[in-house]
Each structure stands twice: as structure tokens, then as C-alpha cells.
Amino acid sequence: MLINRNRLDLGVHDNEDKKGILDVRVKTQDGRQINIEIQILPTEFMPERTLFYWSKMFTSQIHSGEGYELLKKCITINIVDFDCTPLKQVHSCYHLVHGMSLTTSIAGVTKNGL
């Protein structure tokens, strides 16, 4: 079973926070969250925007006093109709890494071109 929310407002905690709105946010039965963004018009800073939305989704999972063990994997899927990275692949997958080794399996970001 999937919980599907369209056009989800990521909210702001104070006046200094940047607002973000997700196109589709899905929560799986095991607690993983998936953000699906569809962007037709070229957007400058798409990689930065993607990481920003992903980080807000990730950090919104726990609150003050809760343990980090509650954090679940978050995945972002971007479906775009423009070049947003210098890579020429139709499909790209990114992970948070330290040097050349994967630091965690909790993050996943993918980009698909139309």
C-alpha cells in the first residue's frame, strides 16, 4: 500500500526557511519516502533544488527528542525535459558519498530525461 500526496508543501519552520512544494510524495509500507518531480521548463540550479527538496523530506521524518534510527530511506525521482547536468545519460543515479565510498544506503536521487 502506498500513501500518495500530490503537491505537498514542505513547509517552513521560521521566516528564514526556503519553501518547497513537491509534485508527488509517496510513503511506502516500510516507511521509505519517494519524491517525484516533473519539470518541463528549464530550471537553473536543478541539482541544488533536488538536494534541497530531498534534505527537507529526509529531515522532516524526526523531531526533537526522537532517535536517528527512525530515519528511513528517501528517494527523489526527477523527470525533466532539459539538460540539468553535464552528463549525457538518459538515466542517472546519485548517492551521498565520502570520497569514493558510499557513506549510507539511506539516500537515493535519480534523474530521468524525457
Protein backbone atom coordinates (compact mmCIF):
# COMPACT_ATOMS: atom_id res chain seq x y z
CA MET A 1 0.00 0.00 0.00
CA LEU A 2 1.27 3.46 -0.90
CA ILE A 3 0.25 6.75 0.63
CA ASN A 4 0.21 9.30 -2.17
CA ARG A 5 0.05 13.05 -1.63
CA ASN A 6 0.01 15.46 -4.55
CA ARG A 7 1.57 18.94 -4.41
CA LEU A 8 2.82 18.59 -0.84
CA ASP A 9 4.05 21.77 0.83
CA LEU A 10 7.32 21.07 2.66
CA GLY A 11 6.55 23.98 4.95
CA VAL A 12 8.81 26.40 6.74
CA HIS A 13 9.80 26.49 10.40
CA ASP A 14 10.57 30.20 10.54
CA ASN A 15 10.67 33.22 8.23
CA GLU A 16 14.25 32.43 7.15
CA ASP A 17 13.42 28.97 5.72
CA LYS A 18 13.02 28.41 1.99
CA LYS A 19 9.68 26.95 0.98
CA GLY A 20 9.41 23.89 -1.25
CA ILE A 21 6.45 22.14 -2.86
CA LEU A 22 6.72 18.53 -4.04
CA ASP A 23 4.74 17.34 -7.09
CA VAL A 24 4.12 13.81 -5.75
CA ARG A 25 5.27 12.38 -2.42
CA VAL A 26 4.82 8.69 -1.71
CA LYS A 27 5.38 6.81 1.54
CA THR A 28 5.84 3.05 1.25
CA GLN A 29 4.66 0.48 3.80
CA ASP A 30 8.19 0.21 5.23
CA GLY A 31 8.41 3.99 5.74
CA ARG A 32 10.60 4.94 2.77
CA GLN A 33 9.62 8.21 1.11
CA ILE A 34 9.72 8.94 -2.61
CA ASN A 35 9.50 12.42 -4.14
CA ILE A 36 8.60 12.52 -7.84
CA GLU A 37 9.26 15.86 -9.54
CA ILE A 38 8.17 16.59 -13.10
CA GLN A 39 9.85 19.65 -14.62
CA ILE A 40 9.26 20.61 -18.26
CA LEU A 41 10.61 24.17 -18.29
CA PRO A 42 14.38 24.54 -17.85
CA THR A 43 15.27 25.45 -14.29
CA GLU A 44 18.64 26.80 -13.26
CA PHE A 45 20.09 25.07 -10.20
CA MET A 46 18.07 21.84 -10.65
CA PRO A 47 20.71 19.69 -8.86
CA GLU A 48 20.72 22.10 -5.90
CA ARG A 49 16.91 22.21 -5.86
CA THR A 50 16.79 18.41 -5.90
CA LEU A 51 19.18 18.10 -2.97
CA PHE A 52 17.27 20.81 -1.07
CA TYR A 53 13.91 19.06 -1.51
CA TRP A 54 15.46 15.69 -0.64
CA SER A 55 17.07 17.06 2.52
CA LYS A 56 13.81 18.67 3.69
CA MET A 57 11.97 15.38 3.12
CA PHE A 58 14.71 13.47 4.99
CA THR A 59 14.94 15.81 7.99
CA SER A 60 11.15 16.09 8.37
CA GLN A 61 10.98 12.45 9.48
CA ILE A 62 12.08 13.03 13.07
CA HIS A 63 11.55 15.70 15.68
CA SER A 64 13.29 16.90 18.81
CA GLY A 65 13.97 14.01 21.20
CA GLU A 66 13.46 11.26 18.61
CA GLY A 67 16.26 8.87 17.66
CA TYR A 68 18.11 8.82 14.35
CA GLU A 69 17.26 5.12 13.99
CA LEU A 70 13.77 6.25 12.95
CA LEU A 71 15.14 7.76 9.71
CA LYS A 72 14.13 5.85 6.58
CA LYS A 73 15.50 5.97 3.05
CA CYS A 74 14.34 8.90 0.92
CA ILE A 75 14.39 8.75 -2.87
CA THR A 76 13.93 11.58 -5.36
CA ILE A 77 12.94 10.94 -8.97
CA ASN A 78 13.20 13.89 -11.38
CA ILE A 79 11.51 13.62 -14.76
CA VAL A 80 12.80 16.54 -16.81
CA ASP A 81 12.67 17.75 -20.41
CA PHE A 82 16.01 19.60 -20.40
CA ASP A 83 19.67 19.02 -19.61
CA CYS A 84 20.13 19.64 -15.91
CA THR A 85 23.58 18.07 -15.52
CA PRO A 86 26.59 17.84 -17.83
CA LEU A 87 26.02 14.08 -18.09
CA LYS A 88 24.54 12.77 -21.34
CA GLN A 89 22.83 9.65 -19.95
CA VAL A 90 19.06 9.34 -20.10
CA HIS A 91 19.11 7.92 -16.56
CA SER A 92 21.46 8.97 -13.76
CA CYS A 93 21.54 7.80 -10.15
CA TYR A 94 23.30 9.70 -7.37
CA HIS A 95 24.23 8.69 -3.82
CA LEU A 96 25.72 10.57 -0.89
CA VAL A 97 29.37 9.54 -0.80
CA HIS A 98 32.54 10.31 1.09
CA GLY A 99 35.45 10.17 -1.32
CA MET A 100 34.79 7.07 -3.39
CA SER A 101 32.88 5.05 -0.79
CA LEU A 102 29.15 5.10 -0.15
CA THR A 103 28.52 6.58 3.30
CA THR A 104 24.93 5.43 3.70
CA SER A 105 22.26 3.47 1.92
CA ILE A 106 19.61 5.83 3.24
CA ALA A 107 19.76 8.30 0.33
CA GLY A 108 18.95 7.92 -3.32
CA VAL A 109 18.42 10.52 -6.05
CA THR A 110 17.66 9.65 -9.65
CA LYS A 111 17.11 11.77 -12.80
CA ASN A 112 15.27 10.69 -15.93
CA GLY A 113 15.14 12.68 -19.15
CA LEU A 114 12.06 12.71 -21.34
